Amino acid sequence: MQKRKLGNSNLEVSAIGLGCMGLNYAYSNTLDKNESISLLQAAVERGVTFFDTAEMYGPFTNEELLGEALKPYRDRVVIATKFGIKLQDGKQVQDSHPSGIRESVEGSLKRLNTDAIDLYYQHRVDTQVPIEDVAGTIKDLIGEGKIKHWGL
């Protein structure tokens, strides 16, 4: 499998990544847990190293699925997940307040069964929160070793 570096970082990923939303969220023909785990592990065995999820997928259950399936391969894979969308009264709302980001990262770390998130995205821009506040919070989380890279 060919590899690529993302942006100007030294984060190297497989040229083909696996977006995991459809495993158990959003589409009508989702897979059961065992089928999903088999698919994820087969992807790693075929050279895929880049896996994308979000706390919103499920919500939360997609990250749990990846955490379980990829645990034996954690040192060989790059996991990307996202923050900034929450369910409130059954509706999706943007929330990128610093306290919300911190709550999200802690939950994602636990669900993904990892010490650090390789790539952390802001899922949607929250126009109610200055991007400087988002970036400052992310900078702090990088300094704390909880995330390695971030994006929008």
N, C-alpha and C. Protein backbone atom coordinates (compact mmCIF):
# COMPACT_ATOMS: atom_id res chain seq x y z
N MET A 1 0.85 -1.18 0.00
CA MET A 1 0.00 0.00 0.00
C MET A 1 0.89 1.24 0.00
N GLN A 2 0.59 2.16 -0.89
CA GLN A 2 1.32 3.42 -0.91
C GLN A 2 0.97 4.23 0.34
N LYS A 3 1.90 5.09 0.72
CA LYS A 3 1.71 5.96 1.89
C LYS A 3 1.72 7.41 1.43
N ARG A 4 1.11 8.27 2.23
CA ARG A 4 1.09 9.70 1.97
C ARG A 4 1.27 10.45 3.28
N LYS A 5 1.83 11.64 3.18
CA LYS A 5 1.89 12.53 4.34
C LYS A 5 0.72 13.50 4.22
N LEU A 6 0.06 13.73 5.33
CA LEU A 6 -1.07 14.65 5.35
C LEU A 6 -0.57 16.08 5.52
N GLY A 7 -0.97 16.94 4.59
CA GLY A 7 -0.62 18.35 4.69
C GLY A 7 0.87 18.57 4.84
N ASN A 8 1.22 19.51 5.71
CA ASN A 8 2.63 19.82 5.98
C ASN A 8 3.17 19.08 7.19
N SER A 9 2.39 18.15 7.68
CA SER A 9 2.80 17.39 8.87
C SER A 9 3.67 16.22 8.45
N ASN A 10 4.17 15.52 9.42
CA ASN A 10 4.87 14.27 9.13
C ASN A 10 3.99 13.07 9.47
N LEU A 11 2.68 13.29 9.48
CA LEU A 11 1.73 12.21 9.75
C LEU A 11 1.55 11.40 8.46
N GLU A 12 2.04 10.17 8.49
CA GLU A 12 1.99 9.31 7.32
C GLU A 12 0.83 8.34 7.45
N VAL A 13 0.06 8.24 6.37
CA VAL A 13 -1.11 7.36 6.34
C VAL A 13 -1.12 6.58 5.04
N SER A 14 -1.89 5.52 5.00
CA SER A 14 -2.06 4.77 3.76
C SER A 14 -2.79 5.65 2.74
N ALA A 15 -2.48 5.45 1.46
CA ALA A 15 -3.11 6.24 0.41
C ALA A 15 -4.62 6.00 0.38
N ILE A 16 -5.04 4.84 0.81
CA ILE A 16 -6.46 4.53 0.92
C ILE A 16 -6.79 4.45 2.41
N GLY A 17 -7.77 5.24 2.82
CA GLY A 17 -8.22 5.21 4.20
C GLY A 17 -9.62 4.63 4.26
N LEU A 18 -10.08 4.36 5.47
CA LEU A 18 -11.41 3.80 5.64
C LEU A 18 -12.25 4.74 6.49
N GLY A 19 -13.25 5.34 5.87
CA GLY A 19 -14.24 6.12 6.59
C GLY A 19 -15.23 5.16 7.22
N CYS A 20 -15.39 5.24 8.52
CA CYS A 20 -16.10 4.19 9.26
C CYS A 20 -17.54 4.52 9.63
N MET A 21 -18.03 5.68 9.25
CA MET A 21 -19.38 6.08 9.64
C MET A 21 -20.42 5.02 9.29
N GLY A 22 -20.34 4.46 8.10
CA GLY A 22 -21.36 3.54 7.63
C GLY A 22 -21.34 2.16 8.27
N LEU A 23 -20.33 1.87 9.08
CA LEU A 23 -20.30 0.55 9.71
C LEU A 23 -21.51 0.33 10.60
N ASN A 24 -21.86 1.35 11.39
CA ASN A 24 -22.99 1.16 12.30
C ASN A 24 -23.81 2.43 12.49
N TYR A 25 -23.72 3.35 11.53
CA TYR A 25 -24.44 4.61 11.67
C TYR A 25 -24.74 5.21 10.30
N ALA A 26 -25.89 5.80 10.16
CA ALA A 26 -26.26 6.67 9.04
C ALA A 26 -26.79 5.97 7.80
N TYR A 27 -26.38 4.79 7.51
CA TYR A 27 -26.87 4.13 6.30
C TYR A 27 -27.78 2.98 6.71
N SER A 28 -28.70 2.62 5.83
CA SER A 28 -29.70 1.62 6.19
C SER A 28 -29.14 0.20 6.31
N ASN A 29 -28.07 -0.10 5.61
CA ASN A 29 -27.51 -1.45 5.63
C ASN A 29 -26.22 -1.49 6.45
N THR A 30 -26.32 -1.20 7.74
CA THR A 30 -25.14 -1.23 8.60
C THR A 30 -24.78 -2.68 8.89
N LEU A 31 -23.52 -2.88 9.27
CA LEU A 31 -23.03 -4.21 9.59
C LEU A 31 -23.22 -4.49 11.08
N ASP A 32 -23.28 -5.78 11.43
CA ASP A 32 -23.30 -6.07 12.86
C ASP A 32 -21.87 -5.95 13.40
N LYS A 33 -21.73 -6.00 14.70
CA LYS A 33 -20.45 -5.75 15.35
C LYS A 33 -19.36 -6.69 14.86
N ASN A 34 -19.63 -7.98 14.79
CA ASN A 34 -18.62 -8.95 14.37
C ASN A 34 -18.19 -8.73 12.92
N GLU A 35 -19.16 -8.42 12.05
CA GLU A 35 -18.82 -8.14 10.65
C GLU A 35 -17.95 -6.88 10.55
N SER A 36 -18.28 -5.87 11.36
CA SER A 36 -17.52 -4.63 11.35
C SER A 36 -16.09 -4.86 11.83
N ILE A 37 -15.94 -5.60 12.90
CA ILE A 37 -14.60 -5.89 13.42
C ILE A 37 -13.79 -6.67 12.39
N SER A 38 -14.39 -7.65 11.75
CA SER A 38 -13.70 -8.42 10.71
C SER A 38 -13.27 -7.52 9.56
N LEU A 39 -14.15 -6.63 9.14
CA LEU A 39 -13.82 -5.72 8.05
C LEU A 39 -12.66 -4.80 8.42
N LEU A 40 -12.71 -4.21 9.61
CA LEU A 40 -11.65 -3.31 10.05
C LEU A 40 -10.31 -4.02 10.13
N GLN A 41 -10.31 -5.21 10.70
CA GLN A 41 -9.06 -5.95 10.83
C GLN A 41 -8.54 -6.43 9.48
N ALA A 42 -9.43 -6.81 8.57
CA ALA A 42 -9.01 -7.20 7.22
C ALA A 42 -8.40 -6.01 6.49
N ALA A 43 -8.93 -4.82 6.72
CA ALA A 43 -8.38 -3.62 6.10
C ALA A 43 -6.94 -3.40 6.57
N VAL A 44 -6.70 -3.55 7.87
CA VAL A 44 -5.33 -3.40 8.39
C VAL A 44 -4.41 -4.43 7.76
N GLU A 45 -4.86 -5.66 7.69
CA GLU A 45 -4.04 -6.74 7.11
C GLU A 45 -3.73 -6.49 5.64
N ARG A 46 -4.54 -5.68 4.98
CA ARG A 46 -4.31 -5.36 3.56
C ARG A 46 -3.56 -4.04 3.39
N GLY A 47 -3.11 -3.45 4.48
CA GLY A 47 -2.27 -2.26 4.40
C GLY A 47 -2.93 -0.93 4.69
N VAL A 48 -4.23 -0.93 4.99
CA VAL A 48 -4.88 0.33 5.35
C VAL A 48 -4.42 0.72 6.75
N THR A 49 -3.98 1.97 6.89
CA THR A 49 -3.53 2.44 8.20
C THR A 49 -4.32 3.65 8.69
N PHE A 50 -5.21 4.19 7.85
CA PHE A 50 -5.92 5.43 8.18
C PHE A 50 -7.41 5.15 8.34
N PHE A 51 -7.93 5.40 9.55
CA PHE A 51 -9.32 5.12 9.89
C PHE A 51 -9.97 6.39 10.45
N ASP A 52 -11.13 6.75 9.89
CA ASP A 52 -11.81 7.98 10.26
C ASP A 52 -13.15 7.67 10.92
N THR A 53 -13.39 8.31 12.06
CA THR A 53 -14.64 8.15 12.80
C THR A 53 -15.02 9.50 13.40
N ALA A 54 -16.01 9.53 14.26
CA ALA A 54 -16.42 10.74 14.97
C ALA A 54 -17.25 10.35 16.17
N GLU A 55 -17.19 11.18 17.21
CA GLU A 55 -18.02 10.89 18.38
C GLU A 55 -19.50 10.91 18.02
N MET A 56 -19.86 11.68 17.01
CA MET A 56 -21.26 11.81 16.58
C MET A 56 -21.79 10.55 15.91
N TYR A 57 -20.91 9.70 15.40
CA TYR A 57 -21.36 8.50 14.70
C TYR A 57 -21.82 7.48 15.73
N GLY A 58 -23.09 7.27 15.73
CA GLY A 58 -23.68 6.33 16.70
C GLY A 58 -24.83 6.95 17.45
N PRO A 59 -24.68 8.01 18.19
CA PRO A 59 -23.44 8.61 18.64
C PRO A 59 -22.64 7.68 19.55
N PHE A 60 -21.36 7.88 19.51
CA PHE A 60 -20.35 7.25 20.36
C PHE A 60 -20.01 5.80 19.99
N THR A 61 -20.95 5.04 19.48
CA THR A 61 -20.72 3.60 19.28
C THR A 61 -19.70 3.29 18.19
N ASN A 62 -19.54 4.20 17.21
CA ASN A 62 -18.57 3.96 16.16
C ASN A 62 -17.15 4.02 16.72
N GLU A 63 -16.90 4.99 17.58
CA GLU A 63 -15.58 5.06 18.23
C GLU A 63 -15.33 3.82 19.09
N GLU A 64 -16.34 3.36 19.81
CA GLU A 64 -16.17 2.15 20.62
C GLU A 64 -15.81 0.96 19.75
N LEU A 65 -16.48 0.84 18.62
CA LEU A 65 -16.21 -0.24 17.68
C LEU A 65 -14.77 -0.20 17.18
N LEU A 66 -14.30 0.98 16.76
CA LEU A 66 -12.92 1.11 16.31
C LEU A 66 -11.93 0.80 17.43
N GLY A 67 -12.22 1.30 18.62
CA GLY A 67 -11.34 1.05 19.75
C GLY A 67 -11.14 -0.43 20.01
N GLU A 68 -12.21 -1.18 19.91
CA GLU A 68 -12.13 -2.63 20.13
C GLU A 68 -11.42 -3.32 18.97
N ALA A 69 -11.83 -3.01 17.76
CA ALA A 69 -11.30 -3.70 16.59
C ALA A 69 -9.83 -3.41 16.34
N LEU A 70 -9.41 -2.18 16.59
CA LEU A 70 -8.05 -1.77 16.24
C LEU A 70 -7.06 -1.88 17.39
N LYS A 71 -7.53 -2.25 18.56
CA LYS A 71 -6.63 -2.37 19.71
C LYS A 71 -5.39 -3.23 19.42
N PRO A 72 -5.54 -4.40 18.78
CA PRO A 72 -4.33 -5.22 18.53
C PRO A 72 -3.36 -4.58 17.52
N TYR A 73 -3.83 -3.57 16.79
CA TYR A 73 -3.04 -2.95 15.73
C TYR A 73 -2.69 -1.50 16.05
N ARG A 74 -2.94 -1.07 17.26
CA ARG A 74 -2.87 0.36 17.58
C ARG A 74 -1.55 1.00 17.18
N ASP A 75 -0.46 0.28 17.29
CA ASP A 75 0.84 0.86 16.95
C ASP A 75 1.07 0.95 15.44
N ARG A 76 0.15 0.39 14.64
CA ARG A 76 0.29 0.38 13.18
C ARG A 76 -0.73 1.24 12.46
N VAL A 77 -1.66 1.85 13.19
CA VAL A 77 -2.75 2.58 12.54
C VAL A 77 -2.82 4.03 13.01
N VAL A 78 -3.44 4.85 12.18
CA VAL A 78 -3.73 6.25 12.49
C VAL A 78 -5.24 6.37 12.62
N ILE A 79 -5.67 6.84 13.78
CA ILE A 79 -7.10 7.02 14.01
C ILE A 79 -7.40 8.51 14.03
N ALA A 80 -8.36 8.89 13.19
CA ALA A 80 -8.85 10.26 13.15
C ALA A 80 -10.27 10.26 13.69
N THR A 81 -10.57 11.21 14.55
CA THR A 81 -11.93 11.37 15.04
C THR A 81 -12.25 12.86 15.12
N LYS A 82 -13.51 13.16 15.36
CA LYS A 82 -13.98 14.53 15.26
C LYS A 82 -14.76 14.96 16.51
N PHE A 83 -14.71 16.28 16.75
CA PHE A 83 -15.49 16.90 17.81
C PHE A 83 -16.31 18.04 17.21
N GLY A 84 -17.24 18.56 17.98
CA GLY A 84 -17.93 19.79 17.58
C GLY A 84 -19.38 19.64 17.21
N ILE A 85 -19.90 18.42 17.15
CA ILE A 85 -21.33 18.22 16.92
C ILE A 85 -21.88 17.39 18.08
N LYS A 86 -22.95 17.87 18.66
CA LYS A 86 -23.61 17.19 19.77
C LYS A 86 -25.08 17.01 19.43
N LEU A 87 -25.70 16.07 20.10
CA LEU A 87 -27.16 15.93 20.04
C LEU A 87 -27.76 16.71 21.19
N GLN A 88 -28.72 17.57 20.87
CA GLN A 88 -29.42 18.32 21.89
C GLN A 88 -30.90 18.29 21.53
N ASP A 89 -31.69 17.69 22.40
CA ASP A 89 -33.13 17.54 22.14
C ASP A 89 -33.38 16.85 20.80
N GLY A 90 -32.56 15.85 20.49
CA GLY A 90 -32.71 15.08 19.27
C GLY A 90 -32.21 15.74 18.00
N LYS A 91 -31.60 16.91 18.12
CA LYS A 91 -31.09 17.64 16.96
C LYS A 91 -29.59 17.82 17.07
N GLN A 92 -28.94 17.84 15.91
CA GLN A 92 -27.50 18.09 15.89
C GLN A 92 -27.24 19.58 16.04
N VAL A 93 -26.34 19.93 16.96
CA VAL A 93 -25.94 21.32 17.15
C VAL A 93 -24.42 21.39 17.22
N GLN A 94 -23.87 22.52 16.77
CA GLN A 94 -22.43 22.71 16.87
C GLN A 94 -22.08 23.12 18.30
N ASP A 95 -20.95 22.58 18.78
CA ASP A 95 -20.44 22.97 20.10
C ASP A 95 -18.93 22.78 20.10
N SER A 96 -18.24 23.90 19.92
CA SER A 96 -16.78 23.86 19.98
C SER A 96 -16.24 24.77 21.09
N HIS A 97 -17.05 24.96 22.14
CA HIS A 97 -16.55 25.68 23.30
C HIS A 97 -15.40 24.88 23.91
N PRO A 98 -14.42 25.55 24.48
CA PRO A 98 -13.29 24.83 25.07
C PRO A 98 -13.69 23.71 26.03
N SER A 99 -14.69 23.95 26.88
CA SER A 99 -15.11 22.89 27.81
C SER A 99 -15.72 21.71 27.05
N GLY A 100 -16.44 22.00 25.97
CA GLY A 100 -17.01 20.93 25.14
C GLY A 100 -15.94 20.13 24.43
N ILE A 101 -14.90 20.80 23.95
CA ILE A 101 -13.79 20.09 23.29
C ILE A 101 -13.11 19.17 24.29
N ARG A 102 -12.85 19.68 25.47
CA ARG A 102 -12.19 18.85 26.50
C ARG A 102 -13.05 17.65 26.87
N GLU A 103 -14.34 17.85 27.01
CA GLU A 103 -15.25 16.73 27.31
C GLU A 103 -15.22 15.71 26.17
N SER A 104 -15.24 16.21 24.96
CA SER A 104 -15.22 15.33 23.78
C SER A 104 -13.93 14.52 23.70
N VAL A 105 -12.80 15.17 23.88
CA VAL A 105 -11.53 14.44 23.75
C VAL A 105 -11.41 13.36 24.82
N GLU A 106 -11.83 13.65 26.02
CA GLU A 106 -11.76 12.64 27.09
C GLU A 106 -12.64 11.45 26.76
N GLY A 107 -13.84 11.70 26.26
CA GLY A 107 -14.73 10.61 25.88
C GLY A 107 -14.18 9.81 24.72
N SER A 108 -13.64 10.49 23.73
CA SER A 108 -13.08 9.79 22.57
C SER A 108 -11.88 8.94 22.95
N LEU A 109 -11.01 9.46 23.79
CA LEU A 109 -9.86 8.66 24.24
C LEU A 109 -10.31 7.37 24.91
N LYS A 110 -11.31 7.48 25.74
CA LYS A 110 -11.83 6.30 26.45
C LYS A 110 -12.46 5.32 25.46
N ARG A 111 -13.33 5.82 24.60
CA ARG A 111 -14.03 4.94 23.65
C ARG A 111 -13.07 4.29 22.66
N LEU A 112 -12.06 5.04 22.23
CA LEU A 112 -11.09 4.52 21.26
C LEU A 112 -10.02 3.66 21.94
N ASN A 113 -10.06 3.61 23.26
CA ASN A 113 -9.13 2.77 24.02
C ASN A 113 -7.67 3.11 23.67
N THR A 114 -7.37 4.42 23.73
CA THR A 114 -6.04 4.87 23.35
C THR A 114 -5.60 6.00 24.27
N ASP A 115 -4.30 6.25 24.30
CA ASP A 115 -3.75 7.33 25.10
C ASP A 115 -3.71 8.65 24.35
N ALA A 116 -3.73 8.58 23.02
CA ALA A 116 -3.64 9.80 22.21
C ALA A 116 -4.40 9.59 20.90
N ILE A 117 -5.04 10.64 20.44
CA ILE A 117 -5.73 10.63 19.17
C ILE A 117 -4.75 11.15 18.12
N ASP A 118 -4.60 10.41 17.04
CA ASP A 118 -3.61 10.77 16.03
C ASP A 118 -3.99 12.04 15.27
N LEU A 119 -5.25 12.15 14.88
CA LEU A 119 -5.74 13.32 14.13
C LEU A 119 -7.12 13.68 14.66
N TYR A 120 -7.25 14.89 15.14
CA TYR A 120 -8.50 15.36 15.74
C TYR A 120 -9.04 16.50 14.90
N TYR A 121 -10.24 16.32 14.33
CA TYR A 121 -10.85 17.31 13.46
C TYR A 121 -11.95 18.07 14.19
N GLN A 122 -12.13 19.32 13.81
CA GLN A 122 -13.35 20.03 14.16
C GLN A 122 -14.36 19.65 13.10
N HIS A 123 -15.42 18.96 13.50
CA HIS A 123 -16.38 18.38 12.56
C HIS A 123 -17.09 19.46 11.74
N ARG A 124 -17.53 20.51 12.38
CA ARG A 124 -18.15 21.66 11.72
C ARG A 124 -17.67 22.91 12.43
N VAL A 125 -17.51 23.99 11.70
CA VAL A 125 -17.14 25.25 12.31
C VAL A 125 -18.30 25.75 13.16
N ASP A 126 -18.00 26.13 14.37
CA ASP A 126 -18.99 26.68 15.29
C ASP A 126 -18.85 28.19 15.25
N THR A 127 -19.79 28.86 14.61
CA THR A 127 -19.69 30.32 14.44
C THR A 127 -19.88 31.09 15.75
N GLN A 128 -20.28 30.40 16.80
CA GLN A 128 -20.45 31.04 18.11
C GLN A 128 -19.18 31.04 18.94
N VAL A 129 -18.13 30.35 18.46
CA VAL A 129 -16.88 30.24 19.21
C VAL A 129 -15.74 30.73 18.32
N PRO A 130 -15.00 31.75 18.77
CA PRO A 130 -13.87 32.22 17.96
C PRO A 130 -12.88 31.08 17.69
N ILE A 131 -12.40 31.03 16.45
CA ILE A 131 -11.47 29.96 16.08
C ILE A 131 -10.20 30.01 16.93
N GLU A 132 -9.86 31.19 17.43
CA GLU A 132 -8.68 31.31 18.31
C GLU A 132 -8.89 30.54 19.61
N ASP A 133 -10.13 30.50 20.09
CA ASP A 133 -10.44 29.73 21.31
C ASP A 133 -10.33 28.23 21.04
N VAL A 134 -10.80 27.82 19.87
CA VAL A 134 -10.69 26.42 19.47
C VAL A 134 -9.22 26.05 19.35
N ALA A 135 -8.46 26.85 18.61
CA ALA A 135 -7.04 26.57 18.38
C ALA A 135 -6.26 26.56 19.69
N GLY A 136 -6.58 27.47 20.59
CA GLY A 136 -5.89 27.49 21.88
C GLY A 136 -6.14 26.23 22.69
N THR A 137 -7.37 25.78 22.68
CA THR A 137 -7.71 24.54 23.40
C THR A 137 -6.99 23.35 22.78
N ILE A 138 -6.97 23.30 21.45
CA ILE A 138 -6.29 22.20 20.76
C ILE A 138 -4.79 22.24 21.06
N LYS A 139 -4.21 23.44 21.05
CA LYS A 139 -2.78 23.58 21.37
C LYS A 139 -2.50 23.01 22.76
N ASP A 140 -3.37 23.32 23.71
CA ASP A 140 -3.20 22.79 25.07
C ASP A 140 -3.30 21.26 25.08
N LEU A 141 -4.25 20.71 24.34
CA LEU A 141 -4.42 19.25 24.30
C LEU A 141 -3.22 18.56 23.64
N ILE A 142 -2.65 19.21 22.64
CA ILE A 142 -1.42 18.68 22.03
C ILE A 142 -0.30 18.70 23.06
N GLY A 143 -0.17 19.80 23.79
CA GLY A 143 0.84 19.90 24.84
C GLY A 143 0.67 18.86 25.93
N GLU A 144 -0.58 18.48 26.20
CA GLU A 144 -0.87 17.46 27.21
C GLU A 144 -0.70 16.04 26.66
N GLY A 145 -0.42 15.92 25.36
CA GLY A 145 -0.21 14.60 24.74
C GLY A 145 -1.48 13.85 24.42
N LYS A 146 -2.62 14.52 24.46
CA LYS A 146 -3.88 13.84 24.21
C LYS A 146 -4.21 13.73 22.73
N ILE A 147 -3.72 14.68 21.95
CA ILE A 147 -3.85 14.59 20.49
C ILE A 147 -2.50 14.90 19.86
N LYS A 148 -2.29 14.36 18.67
CA LYS A 148 -1.02 14.57 17.97
C LYS A 148 -1.12 15.60 16.87
N HIS A 149 -2.23 15.59 16.12
CA HIS A 149 -2.44 16.51 15.00
C HIS A 149 -3.90 16.94 15.01
N TRP A 150 -4.18 18.10 14.37
CA TRP A 150 -5.57 18.53 14.30
C TRP A 150 -5.87 19.18 12.96
N GLY A 151 -7.16 19.22 12.66
CA GLY A 151 -7.58 19.81 11.40
C GLY A 151 -9.02 20.27 11.48
N LEU A 152 -9.44 20.92 10.39
CA LEU A 152 -10.82 21.41 10.29
C LEU A 152 -11.53 20.67 9.20
